Amino acid sequence: LARILWLEGLEEGYNRGENAQGICVDSKSRYIYI
């Protein structure tokens, strides 16, 4: 409701892109909002 602040991770392999095992850890593609 009300407003959305969409977050994007800044740490490659941690909260951006994929981790070392090739699993998605990307906060933006996970649709993580405030």
PDB file of all heavy atoms in Angstrom:
ATOM      1  N   LEU A   1       0.811  -1.212   0.000  1.00  0.00           N
ATOM      2  CA  LEU A   1       0.000   0.000   0.000  1.00  0.00           C
ATOM      3  C   LEU A   1       0.850   1.270   0.000  1.00  0.00           C
ATOM      4  O   LEU A   1       2.030   1.242   0.346  1.00  0.00           O
ATOM      5  CB  LEU A   1      -0.891   0.027   1.254  1.00  0.00           C
ATOM      6  CG  LEU A   1      -1.782  -1.182   1.522  1.00  0.00           C
ATOM      7  CD1 LEU A   1      -2.548  -0.982   2.831  1.00  0.00           C
ATOM      8  CD2 LEU A   1      -2.741  -1.432   0.369  1.00  0.00           C
ATOM      9  N   ALA A   2       0.229   2.361  -0.376  1.00  0.00           N
ATOM     10  CA  ALA A   2       0.689   3.743  -0.221  1.00  0.00           C
ATOM     11  C   ALA A   2       1.856   4.132  -1.128  1.00  0.00           C
ATOM     12  O   ALA A   2       1.695   4.953  -2.026  1.00  0.00           O
ATOM     13  CB  ALA A   2       1.016   4.061   1.240  1.00  0.00           C
ATOM     14  N   ARG A   3       3.047   3.581  -0.893  1.00  0.00           N
ATOM     15  CA  ARG A   3       4.246   3.902  -1.669  1.00  0.00           C
ATOM     16  C   ARG A   3       5.164   2.688  -1.687  1.00  0.00           C
ATOM     17  O   ARG A   3       5.126   1.852  -0.786  1.00  0.00           O
ATOM     18  CB  ARG A   3       5.030   5.081  -1.053  1.00  0.00           C
ATOM     19  CG  ARG A   3       4.268   6.385  -0.943  1.00  0.00           C
ATOM     20  CD  ARG A   3       3.981   6.999  -2.305  1.00  0.00           C
ATOM     21  NE  ARG A   3       3.317   8.285  -2.190  1.00  0.00           N
ATOM     22  CZ  ARG A   3       2.003   8.467  -2.126  1.00  0.00           C
ATOM     23  NH1 ARG A   3       1.182   7.432  -2.145  1.00  0.00           N
ATOM     24  NH2 ARG A   3       1.485   9.681  -2.043  1.00  0.00           N
ATOM     25  N   ILE A   4       6.023   2.646  -2.711  1.00  0.00           N
ATOM     26  CA  ILE A   4       7.016   1.577  -2.842  1.00  0.00           C
ATOM     27  C   ILE A   4       8.379   2.205  -3.092  1.00  0.00           C
ATOM     28  O   ILE A   4       8.526   3.052  -3.977  1.00  0.00           O
ATOM     29  CB  ILE A   4       6.690   0.639  -4.030  1.00  0.00           C
ATOM     30  CG1 ILE A   4       5.364  -0.099  -3.804  1.00  0.00           C
ATOM     31  CG2 ILE A   4       7.823  -0.364  -4.257  1.00  0.00           C
ATOM     32  CD1 ILE A   4       4.880  -0.865  -5.036  1.00  0.00           C
ATOM     33  N   LEU A   5       9.375   1.763  -2.341  1.00  0.00           N
ATOM     34  CA  LEU A   5      10.791   2.052  -2.602  1.00  0.00           C
ATOM     35  C   LEU A   5      11.404   0.705  -2.975  1.00  0.00           C
ATOM     36  O   LEU A   5      11.532  -0.180  -2.125  1.00  0.00           O
ATOM     37  CB  LEU A   5      11.468   2.644  -1.364  1.00  0.00           C
ATOM     38  CG  LEU A   5      10.851   3.927  -0.810  1.00  0.00           C
ATOM     39  CD1 LEU A   5      11.525   4.310   0.509  1.00  0.00           C
ATOM     40  CD2 LEU A   5      10.935   5.055  -1.812  1.00  0.00           C
ATOM     41  N   TRP A   6      11.746   0.531  -4.255  1.00  0.00           N
ATOM     42  CA  TRP A   6      12.266  -0.756  -4.761  1.00  0.00           C
ATOM     43  C   TRP A   6      13.766  -0.780  -4.550  1.00  0.00           C
ATOM     44  O   TRP A   6      14.482   0.130  -4.993  1.00  0.00           O
ATOM     45  CB  TRP A   6      11.923  -0.897  -6.234  1.00  0.00           C
ATOM     46  CG  TRP A   6      12.102  -2.262  -6.831  1.00  0.00           C
ATOM     47  CD1 TRP A   6      12.553  -3.404  -6.226  1.00  0.00           C
ATOM     48  CD2 TRP A   6      11.822  -2.621  -8.177  1.00  0.00           C
ATOM     49  NE1 TRP A   6      12.553  -4.444  -7.115  1.00  0.00           N
ATOM     50  CE2 TRP A   6      12.114  -3.995  -8.327  1.00  0.00           C
ATOM     51  CE3 TRP A   6      11.345  -1.919  -9.294  1.00  0.00           C
ATOM     52  CZ2 TRP A   6      11.954  -4.675  -9.527  1.00  0.00           C
ATOM     53  CZ3 TRP A   6      11.188  -2.597 -10.479  1.00  0.00           C
ATOM     54  CH2 TRP A   6      11.487  -3.966 -10.593  1.00  0.00           C
ATOM     55  N   LEU A   7      14.261  -1.813  -3.886  1.00  0.00           N
ATOM     56  CA  LEU A   7      15.668  -1.908  -3.531  1.00  0.00           C
ATOM     57  C   LEU A   7      16.467  -2.717  -4.546  1.00  0.00           C
ATOM     58  O   LEU A   7      15.983  -3.708  -5.084  1.00  0.00           O
ATOM     59  CB  LEU A   7      15.826  -2.528  -2.144  1.00  0.00           C
ATOM     60  CG  LEU A   7      15.140  -1.792  -1.000  1.00  0.00           C
ATOM     61  CD1 LEU A   7      15.443  -2.470   0.331  1.00  0.00           C
ATOM     62  CD2 LEU A   7      15.523  -0.320  -0.969  1.00  0.00           C
ATOM     63  N   GLU A   8      17.701  -2.287  -4.749  1.00  0.00           N
ATOM     64  CA  GLU A   8      18.649  -2.972  -5.624  1.00  0.00           C
ATOM     65  C   GLU A   8      19.912  -3.254  -4.818  1.00  0.00           C
ATOM     66  O   GLU A   8      20.477  -2.344  -4.205  1.00  0.00           O
ATOM     67  CB  GLU A   8      18.982  -2.080  -6.816  1.00  0.00           C
ATOM     68  CG  GLU A   8      19.962  -2.679  -7.789  1.00  0.00           C
ATOM     69  CD  GLU A   8      20.208  -1.766  -8.985  1.00  0.00           C
ATOM     70  OE1 GLU A   8      19.403  -0.862  -9.255  1.00  0.00           O
ATOM     71  OE2 GLU A   8      21.248  -1.976  -9.632  1.00  0.00           O
ATOM     72  N   GLY A   9      20.336  -4.507  -4.798  1.00  0.00           N
ATOM     73  CA  GLY A   9      21.558  -4.881  -4.096  1.00  0.00           C
ATOM     74  C   GLY A   9      22.782  -4.299  -4.764  1.00  0.00           C
ATOM     75  O   GLY A   9      22.814  -4.122  -5.989  1.00  0.00           O
ATOM     76  N   LEU A  10      23.806  -4.007  -3.971  1.00  0.00           N
ATOM     77  CA  LEU A  10      25.040  -3.411  -4.482  1.00  0.00           C
ATOM     78  C   LEU A  10      26.242  -4.342  -4.359  1.00  0.00           C
ATOM     79  O   LEU A  10      27.340  -3.974  -4.770  1.00  0.00           O
ATOM     80  CB  LEU A  10      25.333  -2.098  -3.736  1.00  0.00           C
ATOM     81  CG  LEU A  10      24.293  -0.998  -3.912  1.00  0.00           C
ATOM     82  CD1 LEU A  10      24.638   0.200  -3.031  1.00  0.00           C
ATOM     83  CD2 LEU A  10      24.176  -0.581  -5.368  1.00  0.00           C
ATOM     84  N   GLU A  11      26.035  -5.545  -3.805  1.00  0.00           N
ATOM     85  CA  GLU A  11      27.144  -6.458  -3.554  1.00  0.00           C
ATOM     86  C   GLU A  11      27.016  -7.690  -4.444  1.00  0.00           C
ATOM     87  O   GLU A  11      26.232  -8.597  -4.155  1.00  0.00           O
ATOM     88  CB  GLU A  11      27.182  -6.839  -2.075  1.00  0.00           C
ATOM     89  CG  GLU A  11      27.385  -5.626  -1.169  1.00  0.00           C
ATOM     90  CD  GLU A  11      27.214  -5.964   0.288  1.00  0.00           C
ATOM     91  OE1 GLU A  11      28.152  -6.565   0.854  1.00  0.00           O
ATOM     92  OE2 GLU A  11      26.153  -5.653   0.850  1.00  0.00           O
ATOM     93  N   GLU A  12      27.793  -7.691  -5.525  1.00  0.00           N
ATOM     94  CA  GLU A  12      27.760  -8.779  -6.510  1.00  0.00           C
ATOM     95  C   GLU A  12      28.009 -10.120  -5.832  1.00  0.00           C
ATOM     96  O   GLU A  12      28.924 -10.262  -5.026  1.00  0.00           O
ATOM     97  CB  GLU A  12      28.822  -8.529  -7.590  1.00  0.00           C
ATOM     98  CG  GLU A  12      28.652  -9.388  -8.805  1.00  0.00           C
ATOM     99  CD  GLU A  12      27.396  -9.101  -9.603  1.00  0.00           C
ATOM    100  OE1 GLU A  12      27.050  -7.914  -9.791  1.00  0.00           O
ATOM    101  OE2 GLU A  12      26.748 -10.078 -10.020  1.00  0.00           O
ATOM    102  N   GLY A  13      27.126 -11.090  -6.127  1.00  0.00           N
ATOM    103  CA  GLY A  13      27.262 -12.428  -5.565  1.00  0.00           C
ATOM    104  C   GLY A  13      26.688 -12.571  -4.168  1.00  0.00           C
ATOM    105  O   GLY A  13      26.639 -13.676  -3.619  1.00  0.00           O
ATOM    106  N   TYR A  14      26.266 -11.458  -3.568  1.00  0.00           N
ATOM    107  CA  TYR A  14      25.707 -11.490  -2.210  1.00  0.00           C
ATOM    108  C   TYR A  14      24.240 -11.066  -2.222  1.00  0.00           C
ATOM    109  O   TYR A  14      23.378 -11.809  -1.777  1.00  0.00           O
ATOM    110  CB  TYR A  14      26.533 -10.615  -1.272  1.00  0.00           C
ATOM    111  CG  TYR A  14      26.106 -10.697   0.169  1.00  0.00           C
ATOM    112  CD1 TYR A  14      26.182 -11.898   0.870  1.00  0.00           C
ATOM    113  CD2 TYR A  14      25.624  -9.582   0.841  1.00  0.00           C
ATOM    114  CE1 TYR A  14      25.777 -11.984   2.194  1.00  0.00           C
ATOM    115  CE2 TYR A  14      25.223  -9.655   2.165  1.00  0.00           C
ATOM    116  CZ  TYR A  14      25.299 -10.852   2.830  1.00  0.00           C
ATOM    117  OH  TYR A  14      24.898 -10.933   4.146  1.00  0.00           O
ATOM    118  N   ASN A  15      23.963  -9.866  -2.744  1.00  0.00           N
ATOM    119  CA  ASN A  15      22.579  -9.414  -2.889  1.00  0.00           C
ATOM    120  C   ASN A  15      22.317  -8.860  -4.293  1.00  0.00           C
ATOM    121  O   ASN A  15      21.339  -8.178  -4.534  1.00  0.00           O
ATOM    122  CB  ASN A  15      22.196  -8.391  -1.811  1.00  0.00           C
ATOM    123  CG  ASN A  15      23.091  -7.175  -1.802  1.00  0.00           C
ATOM    124  OD1 ASN A  15      23.670  -6.788  -2.812  1.00  0.00           O
ATOM    125  ND2 ASN A  15      23.204  -6.551  -0.637  1.00  0.00           N
ATOM    126  N   ARG A  16      23.226  -9.186  -5.203  1.00  0.00           N
ATOM    127  CA  ARG A  16      23.124  -8.776  -6.604  1.00  0.00           C
ATOM    128  C   ARG A  16      23.600  -9.945  -7.472  1.00  0.00           C
ATOM    129  O   ARG A  16      24.651 -10.535  -7.193  1.00  0.00           O
ATOM    130  CB  ARG A  16      23.991  -7.549  -6.843  1.00  0.00           C
ATOM    131  CG  ARG A  16      23.924  -6.980  -8.233  1.00  0.00           C
ATOM    132  CD  ARG A  16      24.883  -5.779  -8.348  1.00  0.00           C
ATOM    133  NE  ARG A  16      24.815  -5.204  -9.650  1.00  0.00           N
ATOM    134  CZ  ARG A  16      24.076  -4.141  -9.973  1.00  0.00           C
ATOM    135  NH1 ARG A  16      23.367  -3.540  -9.048  1.00  0.00           N
ATOM    136  NH2 ARG A  16      24.058  -3.677 -11.194  1.00  0.00           N
ATOM    137  N   GLY A  17      22.826 -10.273  -8.496  1.00  0.00           N
ATOM    138  CA  GLY A  17      23.221 -11.349  -9.403  1.00  0.00           C
ATOM    139  C   GLY A  17      23.051 -12.726  -8.776  1.00  0.00           C
ATOM    140  O   GLY A  17      22.061 -12.988  -8.101  1.00  0.00           O
ATOM    141  N   GLU A  18      24.039 -13.583  -9.015  1.00  0.00           N
ATOM    142  CA  GLU A  18      24.012 -14.951  -8.497  1.00  0.00           C
ATOM    143  C   GLU A  18      25.167 -15.169  -7.536  1.00  0.00           C
ATOM    144  O   GLU A  18      26.212 -14.533  -7.650  1.00  0.00           O
ATOM    145  CB  GLU A  18      24.131 -15.949  -9.655  1.00  0.00           C
ATOM    146  CG  GLU A  18      22.971 -15.894 -10.622  1.00  0.00           C
ATOM    147  CD  GLU A  18      23.125 -16.866 -11.777  1.00  0.00           C
ATOM    148  OE1 GLU A  18      24.247 -17.373 -12.026  1.00  0.00           O
ATOM    149  OE2 GLU A  18      22.106 -17.114 -12.445  1.00  0.00           O
ATOM    150  N   ASN A  19      24.977 -16.121  -6.614  1.00  0.00           N
ATOM    151  CA  ASN A  19      26.072 -16.461  -5.698  1.00  0.00           C
ATOM    152  C   ASN A  19      27.039 -17.426  -6.389  1.00  0.00           C
ATOM    153  O   ASN A  19      26.864 -17.769  -7.558  1.00  0.00           O
ATOM    154  CB  ASN A  19      25.543 -17.009  -4.367  1.00  0.00           C
ATOM    155  CG  ASN A  19      24.829 -18.336  -4.497  1.00  0.00           C
ATOM    156  OD1 ASN A  19      24.903 -19.022  -5.517  1.00  0.00           O
ATOM    157  ND2 ASN A  19      24.131 -18.721  -3.434  1.00  0.00           N
ATOM    158  N   ALA A  20      28.049 -17.885  -5.682  1.00  0.00           N
ATOM    159  CA  ALA A  20      29.085 -18.758  -6.245  1.00  0.00           C
ATOM    160  C   ALA A  20      28.517 -20.088  -6.746  1.00  0.00           C
ATOM    161  O   ALA A  20      29.098 -20.716  -7.629  1.00  0.00           O
ATOM    162  CB  ALA A  20      30.177 -19.016  -5.202  1.00  0.00           C
ATOM    163  N   GLN A  21      27.369 -20.496  -6.217  1.00  0.00           N
ATOM    164  CA  GLN A  21      26.729 -21.738  -6.647  1.00  0.00           C
ATOM    165  C   GLN A  21      25.774 -21.524  -7.828  1.00  0.00           C
ATOM    166  O   GLN A  21      25.107 -22.454  -8.273  1.00  0.00           O
ATOM    167  CB  GLN A  21      25.957 -22.372  -5.482  1.00  0.00           C
ATOM    168  CG  GLN A  21      26.829 -22.893  -4.363  1.00  0.00           C
ATOM    169  CD  GLN A  21      27.390 -21.775  -3.480  1.00  0.00           C
ATOM    170  OE1 GLN A  21      26.716 -20.795  -3.187  1.00  0.00           O
ATOM    171  NE2 GLN A  21      28.649 -21.913  -3.084  1.00  0.00           N
ATOM    172  N   GLY A  22      25.695 -20.280  -8.311  1.00  0.00           N
ATOM    173  CA  GLY A  22      24.827 -19.972  -9.439  1.00  0.00           C
ATOM    174  C   GLY A  22      23.367 -19.761  -9.074  1.00  0.00           C
ATOM    175  O   GLY A  22      22.494 -19.766  -9.939  1.00  0.00           O
ATOM    176  N   ILE A  23      23.092 -19.553  -7.799  1.00  0.00           N
ATOM    177  CA  ILE A  23      21.721 -19.341  -7.325  1.00  0.00           C
ATOM    178  C   ILE A  23      21.458 -17.839  -7.234  1.00  0.00           C
ATOM    179  O   ILE A  23      22.294 -17.081  -6.739  1.00  0.00           O
ATOM    180  CB  ILE A  23      21.509 -20.011  -5.950  1.00  0.00           C
ATOM    181  CG1 ILE A  23      21.753 -21.520  -6.070  1.00  0.00           C
ATOM    182  CG2 ILE A  23      20.112 -19.735  -5.419  1.00  0.00           C
ATOM    183  CD1 ILE A  23      21.821 -22.237  -4.741  1.00  0.00           C
ATOM    184  N   CYS A  24      20.283 -17.417  -7.687  1.00  0.00           N
ATOM    185  CA  CYS A  24      19.909 -16.004  -7.657  1.00  0.00           C
ATOM    186  C   CYS A  24      19.850 -15.479  -6.227  1.00  0.00           C
ATOM    187  O   CYS A  24      19.188 -16.058  -5.365  1.00  0.00           O
ATOM    188  CB  CYS A  24      18.559 -15.800  -8.342  1.00  0.00           C
ATOM    189  SG  CYS A  24      18.003 -14.081  -8.282  1.00  0.00           S
ATOM    190  N   VAL A  25      20.572 -14.386  -6.001  1.00  0.00           N
ATOM    191  CA  VAL A  25      20.548 -13.681  -4.721  1.00  0.00           C
ATOM    192  C   VAL A  25      20.211 -12.208  -4.943  1.00  0.00           C
ATOM    193  O   VAL A  25      20.412 -11.381  -4.062  1.00  0.00           O
ATOM    194  CB  VAL A  25      21.904 -13.812  -3.973  1.00  0.00           C
ATOM    195  CG1 VAL A  25      22.134 -15.242  -3.527  1.00  0.00           C
ATOM    196  CG2 VAL A  25      23.062 -13.309  -4.831  1.00  0.00           C
ATOM    197  N   ASP A  26      19.684 -11.882  -6.108  1.00  0.00           N
ATOM    198  CA  ASP A  26      19.477 -10.500  -6.547  1.00  0.00           C
ATOM    199  C   ASP A  26      18.240  -9.878  -5.900  1.00  0.00           C
ATOM    200  O   ASP A  26      17.111 -10.280  -6.184  1.00  0.00           O
ATOM    201  CB  ASP A  26      19.338 -10.483  -8.070  1.00  0.00           C
ATOM    202  CG  ASP A  26      19.493  -9.093  -8.627  1.00  0.00           C
ATOM    203  OD1 ASP A  26      18.481  -8.360  -8.682  1.00  0.00           O
ATOM    204  OD2 ASP A  26      20.626  -8.737  -8.982  1.00  0.00           O
ATOM    205  N   SER A  27      18.468  -8.903  -5.024  1.00  0.00           N
ATOM    206  CA  SER A  27      17.362  -8.266  -4.298  1.00  0.00           C
ATOM    207  C   SER A  27      16.346  -7.631  -5.237  1.00  0.00           C
ATOM    208  O   SER A  27      15.140  -7.696  -4.989  1.00  0.00           O
ATOM    209  CB  SER A  27      17.896  -7.215  -3.323  1.00  0.00           C
ATOM    210  OG  SER A  27      18.666  -7.822  -2.312  1.00  0.00           O
ATOM    211  N   LYS A  28      16.813  -7.001  -6.310  1.00  0.00           N
ATOM    212  CA  LYS A  28      15.871  -6.341  -7.223  1.00  0.00           C
ATOM    213  C   LYS A  28      15.005  -7.370  -7.938  1.00  0.00           C
ATOM    214  O   LYS A  28      13.786  -7.208  -8.018  1.00  0.00           O
ATOM    215  CB  LYS A  28      16.591  -5.446  -8.224  1.00  0.00           C
ATOM    216  CG  LYS A  28      15.595  -4.634  -9.037  1.00  0.00           C
ATOM    217  CD  LYS A  28      16.202  -3.459  -9.735  1.00  0.00           C
ATOM    218  CE  LYS A  28      15.087  -2.628 -10.361  1.00  0.00           C
ATOM    219  NZ  LYS A  28      15.611  -1.527 -11.137  1.00  0.00           N
ATOM    220  N   SER A  29      15.587  -8.444  -8.439  1.00  0.00           N
ATOM    221  CA  SER A  29      14.779  -9.454  -9.134  1.00  0.00           C
ATOM    222  C   SER A  29      13.914 -10.253  -8.161  1.00  0.00           C
ATOM    223  O   SER A  29      12.959 -10.910  -8.581  1.00  0.00           O
ATOM    224  CB  SER A  29      15.646 -10.383  -9.975  1.00  0.00           C
ATOM    225  OG  SER A  29      16.416 -11.232  -9.167  1.00  0.00           O
ATOM    226  N   ARG A  30      14.211 -10.163  -6.867  1.00  0.00           N
ATOM    227  CA  ARG A  30      13.360 -10.765  -5.830  1.00  0.00           C
ATOM    228  C   ARG A  30      12.215  -9.821  -5.456  1.00  0.00           C
ATOM    229  O   ARG A  30      11.364 -10.177  -4.648  1.00  0.00           O
ATOM    230  CB  ARG A  30      14.187 -11.077  -4.574  1.00  0.00           C
ATOM    231  CG  ARG A  30      15.163 -12.226  -4.755  1.00  0.00           C
ATOM    232  CD  ARG A  30      15.923 -12.497  -3.463  1.00  0.00           C
ATOM    233  NE  ARG A  30      14.983 -12.823  -2.381  1.00  0.00           N
ATOM    234  CZ  ARG A  30      15.255 -12.665  -1.092  1.00  0.00           C
ATOM    235  NH1 ARG A  30      16.436 -12.204  -0.705  1.00  0.00           N
ATOM    236  NH2 ARG A  30      14.354 -12.975  -0.186  1.00  0.00           N
ATOM    237  N   TYR A  31      12.202  -8.611  -6.015  1.00  0.00           N
ATOM    238  CA  TYR A  31      11.159  -7.612  -5.745  1.00  0.00           C
ATOM    239  C   TYR A  31      11.104  -7.249  -4.264  1.00  0.00           C
ATOM    240  O   TYR A  31      10.043  -7.274  -3.634  1.00  0.00           O
ATOM    241  CB  TYR A  31       9.791  -8.079  -6.254  1.00  0.00           C
ATOM    242  CG  TYR A  31       9.832  -8.416  -7.724  1.00  0.00           C
ATOM    243  CD1 TYR A  31       9.888  -9.736  -8.153  1.00  0.00           C
ATOM    244  CD2 TYR A  31       9.876  -7.402  -8.675  1.00  0.00           C
ATOM    245  CE1 TYR A  31       9.961 -10.048  -9.503  1.00  0.00           C
ATOM    246  CE2 TYR A  31       9.950  -7.710 -10.033  1.00  0.00           C
ATOM    247  CZ  TYR A  31       9.990  -9.025 -10.430  1.00  0.00           C
ATOM    248  OH  TYR A  31      10.072  -9.323 -11.761  1.00  0.00           O
ATOM    249  N   ILE A  32      12.271  -6.897  -3.732  1.00  0.00           N
ATOM    250  CA  ILE A  32      12.356  -6.474  -2.333  1.00  0.00           C
ATOM    251  C   ILE A  32      12.089  -4.975  -2.265  1.00  0.00           C
ATOM    252  O   ILE A  32      12.794  -4.179  -2.887  1.00  0.00           O
ATOM    253  CB  ILE A  32      13.737  -6.820  -1.727  1.00  0.00           C
ATOM    254  CG1 ILE A  32      13.990  -8.344  -1.789  1.00  0.00           C
ATOM    255  CG2 ILE A  32      13.839  -6.292  -0.297  1.00  0.00           C
ATOM    256  CD1 ILE A  32      13.025  -9.208  -0.991  1.00  0.00           C
ATOM    257  N   TYR A  33      11.062  -4.614  -1.503  1.00  0.00           N
ATOM    258  CA  TYR A  33      10.620  -3.226  -1.375  1.00  0.00           C
ATOM    259  C   TYR A  33      10.617  -2.787   0.085  1.00  0.00           C
ATOM    260  O   TYR A  33      10.518  -3.611   0.990  1.00  0.00           O
ATOM    261  CB  TYR A  33       9.173  -3.041  -1.846  1.00  0.00           C
ATOM    262  CG  TYR A  33       8.756  -3.622  -3.148  1.00  0.00           C
ATOM    263  CD1 TYR A  33       7.498  -4.217  -3.270  1.00  0.00           C
ATOM    264  CD2 TYR A  33       9.565  -3.558  -4.277  1.00  0.00           C
ATOM    265  CE1 TYR A  33       7.061  -4.736  -4.472  1.00  0.00           C
ATOM    266  CE2 TYR A  33       9.132  -4.082  -5.488  1.00  0.00           C
ATOM    267  CZ  TYR A  33       7.873  -4.669  -5.585  1.00  0.00           C
ATOM    268  OH  TYR A  33       7.437  -5.185  -6.775  1.00  0.00           O
ATOM    269  N   ILE A  34      10.621  -1.480   0.252  1.00  0.00           N
ATOM    270  CA  ILE A  34      10.137  -0.843   1.476  1.00  0.00           C
ATOM    271  C   ILE A  34       8.768  -0.315   1.067  1.00  0.00           C
ATOM    272  O   ILE A  34       8.666   0.432   0.087  1.00  0.00           O
ATOM    273  CB  ILE A  34      11.064   0.295   1.939  1.00  0.00           C
ATOM    274  CG1 ILE A  34      12.481  -0.231   2.227  1.00  0.00           C
ATOM    275  CG2 ILE A  34      10.479   0.976   3.179  1.00  0.00           C
ATOM    276  CD1 ILE A  34      13.513   0.861   2.482  1.00  0.00           C
TER     277      ILE A  34
END
